[in-house]
Amino acid sequence: MFITGFAAVALNPDSKAPKNAKILSKPFHLRELVDEVGKILEDAA
């Protein structure tokens, strides 16, 4: 997961970010972060 104020850079096709990475663009609500972390933890289990 990436948290950035520069989502356009992270979403650039030339980016080295994994294609399946979740990107949260600032500003975001704390609930969004909690939900995304929960999803990642569920997938890892």
PDB file of N, CA and C in Angstrom:
ATOM      1  N   MET A   1       0.843  -1.163   0.000  1.00  0.00           N
ATOM      2  CA  MET A   1       0.000   0.000   0.000  1.00  0.00           C
ATOM      3  C   MET A   1       0.893   1.232   0.000  1.00  0.00           C
ATOM      4  N   PHE A   2       0.494   2.208  -0.796  1.00  0.00           N
ATOM      5  CA  PHE A   2       1.205   3.472  -0.857  1.00  0.00           C
ATOM      6  C   PHE A   2       0.258   4.584  -0.442  1.00  0.00           C
ATOM      7  N   ILE A   3       0.751   5.500   0.356  1.00  0.00           N
ATOM      8  CA  ILE A   3       0.009   6.697   0.734  1.00  0.00           C
ATOM      9  C   ILE A   3       0.804   7.864   0.194  1.00  0.00           C
ATOM     10  N   THR A   4       0.164   8.663  -0.653  1.00  0.00           N
ATOM     11  CA  THR A   4       0.909   9.709  -1.333  1.00  0.00           C
ATOM     12  C   THR A   4       0.053  10.930  -1.605  1.00  0.00           C
ATOM     13  N   GLY A   5       0.701  12.038  -1.692  1.00  0.00           N
ATOM     14  CA  GLY A   5       0.064  13.258  -2.152  1.00  0.00           C
ATOM     15  C   GLY A   5       0.272  13.439  -3.643  1.00  0.00           C
ATOM     16  N   PHE A   6       0.983  12.487  -4.244  1.00  0.00           N
ATOM     17  CA  PHE A   6       1.324  12.549  -5.663  1.00  0.00           C
ATOM     18  C   PHE A   6       0.860  11.284  -6.364  1.00  0.00           C
ATOM     19  N   ALA A   7      -0.433  11.027  -6.316  1.00  0.00           N
ATOM     20  CA  ALA A   7      -0.976   9.795  -6.892  1.00  0.00           C
ATOM     21  C   ALA A   7      -0.683   9.685  -8.385  1.00  0.00           C
ATOM     22  N   ALA A   8      -0.638  10.797  -9.077  1.00  0.00           N
ATOM     23  CA  ALA A   8      -0.368  10.755 -10.518  1.00  0.00           C
ATOM     24  C   ALA A   8       0.998  10.136 -10.793  1.00  0.00           C
ATOM     25  N   VAL A   9       1.969  10.400  -9.940  1.00  0.00           N
ATOM     26  CA  VAL A   9       3.299   9.814 -10.105  1.00  0.00           C
ATOM     27  C   VAL A   9       3.248   8.317  -9.822  1.00  0.00           C
ATOM     28  N   ALA A  10       2.570   7.935  -8.755  1.00  0.00           N
ATOM     29  CA  ALA A  10       2.487   6.524  -8.386  1.00  0.00           C
ATOM     30  C   ALA A  10       1.706   5.718  -9.412  1.00  0.00           C
ATOM     31  N   LEU A  11       0.738   6.343 -10.075  1.00  0.00           N
ATOM     32  CA  LEU A  11      -0.081   5.643 -11.064  1.00  0.00           C
ATOM     33  C   LEU A  11       0.521   5.665 -12.457  1.00  0.00           C
ATOM     34  N   ASN A  12       1.625   6.373 -12.624  1.00  0.00           N
ATOM     35  CA  ASN A  12       2.310   6.451 -13.907  1.00  0.00           C
ATOM     36  C   ASN A  12       2.703   5.040 -14.359  1.00  0.00           C
ATOM     37  N   PRO A  13       2.456   4.675 -15.608  1.00  0.00           N
ATOM     38  CA  PRO A  13       2.816   3.341 -16.094  1.00  0.00           C
ATOM     39  C   PRO A  13       4.309   3.013 -15.942  1.00  0.00           C
ATOM     40  N   ASP A  14       5.158   4.029 -15.892  1.00  0.00           N
ATOM     41  CA  ASP A  14       6.594   3.799 -15.732  1.00  0.00           C
ATOM     42  C   ASP A  14       6.986   3.608 -14.271  1.00  0.00           C
ATOM     43  N   SER A  15       6.020   3.744 -13.373  1.00  0.00           N
ATOM     44  CA  SER A  15       6.285   3.602 -11.944  1.00  0.00           C
ATOM     45  C   SER A  15       6.750   2.190 -11.629  1.00  0.00           C
ATOM     46  N   LYS A  16       7.603   2.075 -10.633  1.00  0.00           N
ATOM     47  CA  LYS A  16       8.076   0.757 -10.207  1.00  0.00           C
ATOM     48  C   LYS A  16       7.160   0.147  -9.140  1.00  0.00           C
ATOM     49  N   ALA A  17       6.055   0.817  -8.864  1.00  0.00           N
ATOM     50  CA  ALA A  17       5.094   0.293  -7.898  1.00  0.00           C
ATOM     51  C   ALA A  17       4.470  -0.985  -8.443  1.00  0.00           C
ATOM     52  N   PRO A  18       4.246  -1.970  -7.594  1.00  0.00           N
ATOM     53  CA  PRO A  18       3.578  -3.197  -8.057  1.00  0.00           C
ATOM     54  C   PRO A  18       2.223  -2.873  -8.669  1.00  0.00           C
ATOM     55  N   LYS A  19       1.865  -3.578  -9.708  1.00  0.00           N
ATOM     56  CA  LYS A  19       0.626  -3.288 -10.431  1.00  0.00           C
ATOM     57  C   LYS A  19      -0.613  -3.492  -9.569  1.00  0.00           C
ATOM     58  N   ASN A  20      -0.534  -4.377  -8.575  1.00  0.00           N
ATOM     59  CA  ASN A  20      -1.700  -4.649  -7.724  1.00  0.00           C
ATOM     60  C   ASN A  20      -1.658  -3.852  -6.414  1.00  0.00           C
ATOM     61  N   ALA A  21      -0.758  -2.887  -6.311  1.00  0.00           N
ATOM     62  CA  ALA A  21      -0.639  -2.087  -5.088  1.00  0.00           C
ATOM     63  C   ALA A  21      -1.835  -1.155  -4.940  1.00  0.00           C
ATOM     64  N   LYS A  22      -2.291  -1.007  -3.727  1.00  0.00           N
ATOM     65  CA  LYS A  22      -3.355  -0.054  -3.420  1.00  0.00           C
ATOM     66  C   LYS A  22      -2.703   1.292  -3.150  1.00  0.00           C
ATOM     67  N   ILE A  23      -3.249   2.332  -3.736  1.00  0.00           N
ATOM     68  CA  ILE A  23      -2.703   3.679  -3.551  1.00  0.00           C
ATOM     69  C   ILE A  23      -3.783   4.551  -2.937  1.00  0.00           C
ATOM     70  N   LEU A  24      -3.497   5.082  -1.761  1.00  0.00           N
ATOM     71  CA  LEU A  24      -4.388   6.040  -1.117  1.00  0.00           C
ATOM     72  C   LEU A  24      -3.822   7.426  -1.369  1.00  0.00           C
ATOM     73  N   SER A  25      -4.628   8.260  -1.962  1.00  0.00           N
ATOM     74  CA  SER A  25      -4.189   9.611  -2.268  1.00  0.00           C
ATOM     75  C   SER A  25      -4.624  10.557  -1.153  1.00  0.00           C
ATOM     76  N   LYS A  26      -3.690  11.377  -0.696  1.00  0.00           N
ATOM     77  CA  LYS A  26      -4.008  12.353   0.343  1.00  0.00           C
ATOM     78  C   LYS A  26      -4.857  13.457  -0.261  1.00  0.00           C
ATOM     79  N   PRO A  27      -5.760  14.026   0.445  1.00  0.00           N
ATOM     80  CA  PRO A  27      -6.194  13.618   1.779  1.00  0.00           C
ATOM     81  C   PRO A  27      -7.140  12.428   1.687  1.00  0.00           C
ATOM     82  N   PHE A  28      -7.125  11.597   2.694  1.00  0.00           N
ATOM     83  CA  PHE A  28      -8.050  10.474   2.769  1.00  0.00           C
ATOM     84  C   PHE A  28      -8.610  10.427   4.181  1.00  0.00           C
ATOM     85  N   HIS A  29      -9.707   9.750   4.313  1.00  0.00           N
ATOM     86  CA  HIS A  29     -10.352   9.616   5.614  1.00  0.00           C
ATOM     87  C   HIS A  29      -9.735   8.418   6.329  1.00  0.00           C
ATOM     88  N   LEU A  30      -9.590   8.520   7.636  1.00  0.00           N
ATOM     89  CA  LEU A  30      -9.005   7.442   8.430  1.00  0.00           C
ATOM     90  C   LEU A  30      -9.743   6.128   8.191  1.00  0.00           C
ATOM     91  N   ARG A  31     -11.038   6.180   7.983  1.00  0.00           N
ATOM     92  CA  ARG A  31     -11.825   4.956   7.740  1.00  0.00           C
ATOM     93  C   ARG A  31     -11.332   4.242   6.482  1.00  0.00           C
ATOM     94  N   GLU A  32     -10.948   4.998   5.459  1.00  0.00           N
ATOM     95  CA  GLU A  32     -10.415   4.384   4.233  1.00  0.00           C
ATOM     96  C   GLU A  32      -9.143   3.601   4.532  1.00  0.00           C
ATOM     97  N   LEU A  33      -8.266   4.190   5.338  1.00  0.00           N
ATOM     98  CA  LEU A  33      -7.015   3.526   5.692  1.00  0.00           C
ATOM     99  C   LEU A  33      -7.291   2.247   6.474  1.00  0.00           C
ATOM    100  N   VAL A  34      -8.164   2.335   7.459  1.00  0.00           N
ATOM    101  CA  VAL A  34      -8.498   1.165   8.271  1.00  0.00           C
ATOM    102  C   VAL A  34      -9.088   0.058   7.394  1.00  0.00           C
ATOM    103  N   ASP A  35      -9.991   0.417   6.489  1.00  0.00           N
ATOM    104  CA  ASP A  35     -10.607  -0.570   5.601  1.00  0.00           C
ATOM    105  C   ASP A  35      -9.573  -1.245   4.710  1.00  0.00           C
ATOM    106  N   GLU A  36      -8.674  -0.473   4.133  1.00  0.00           N
ATOM    107  CA  GLU A  36      -7.664  -1.037   3.226  1.00  0.00           C
ATOM    108  C   GLU A  36      -6.673  -1.933   3.967  1.00  0.00           C
ATOM    109  N   VAL A  37      -6.257  -1.515   5.153  1.00  0.00           N
ATOM    110  CA  VAL A  37      -5.352  -2.361   5.945  1.00  0.00           C
ATOM    111  C   VAL A  37      -6.060  -3.660   6.311  1.00  0.00           C
ATOM    112  N   GLY A  38      -7.333  -3.575   6.666  1.00  0.00           N
ATOM    113  CA  GLY A  38      -8.106  -4.783   6.970  1.00  0.00           C
ATOM    114  C   GLY A  38      -8.161  -5.738   5.795  1.00  0.00           C
ATOM    115  N   LYS A  39      -8.366  -5.211   4.595  1.00  0.00           N
ATOM    116  CA  LYS A  39      -8.388  -6.044   3.400  1.00  0.00           C
ATOM    117  C   LYS A  39      -7.047  -6.728   3.162  1.00  0.00           C
ATOM    118  N   ILE A  40      -5.972  -5.980   3.346  1.00  0.00           N
ATOM    119  CA  ILE A  40      -4.644  -6.553   3.143  1.00  0.00           C
ATOM    120  C   ILE A  40      -4.386  -7.678   4.142  1.00  0.00           C
ATOM    121  N   LEU A  41      -4.775  -7.457   5.390  1.00  0.00           N
ATOM    122  CA  LEU A  41      -4.586  -8.486   6.413  1.00  0.00           C
ATOM    123  C   LEU A  41      -5.431  -9.724   6.143  1.00  0.00           C
ATOM    124  N   GLU A  42      -6.649  -9.541   5.647  1.00  0.00           N
ATOM    125  CA  GLU A  42      -7.496 -10.681   5.298  1.00  0.00           C
ATOM    126  C   GLU A  42      -6.869 -11.495   4.183  1.00  0.00           C
ATOM    127  N   ASP A  43      -6.335 -10.808   3.184  1.00  0.00           N
ATOM    128  CA  ASP A  43      -5.695 -11.494   2.058  1.00  0.00           C
ATOM    129  C   ASP A  43      -4.451 -12.261   2.477  1.00  0.00           C
ATOM    130  N   ALA A  44      -3.764 -11.755   3.508  1.00  0.00           N
ATOM    131  CA  ALA A  44      -2.521 -12.388   3.960  1.00  0.00           C
ATOM    132  C   ALA A  44      -2.791 -13.625   4.825  1.00  0.00           C
ATOM    133  N   ALA A  45      -3.992 -13.712   5.360  1.00  0.00           N
ATOM    134  CA  ALA A  45      -4.315 -14.823   6.271  1.00  0.00           C
ATOM    135  C   ALA A  45      -4.587 -16.106   5.526  1.00  0.00           C
TER     136      ALA A  45
END
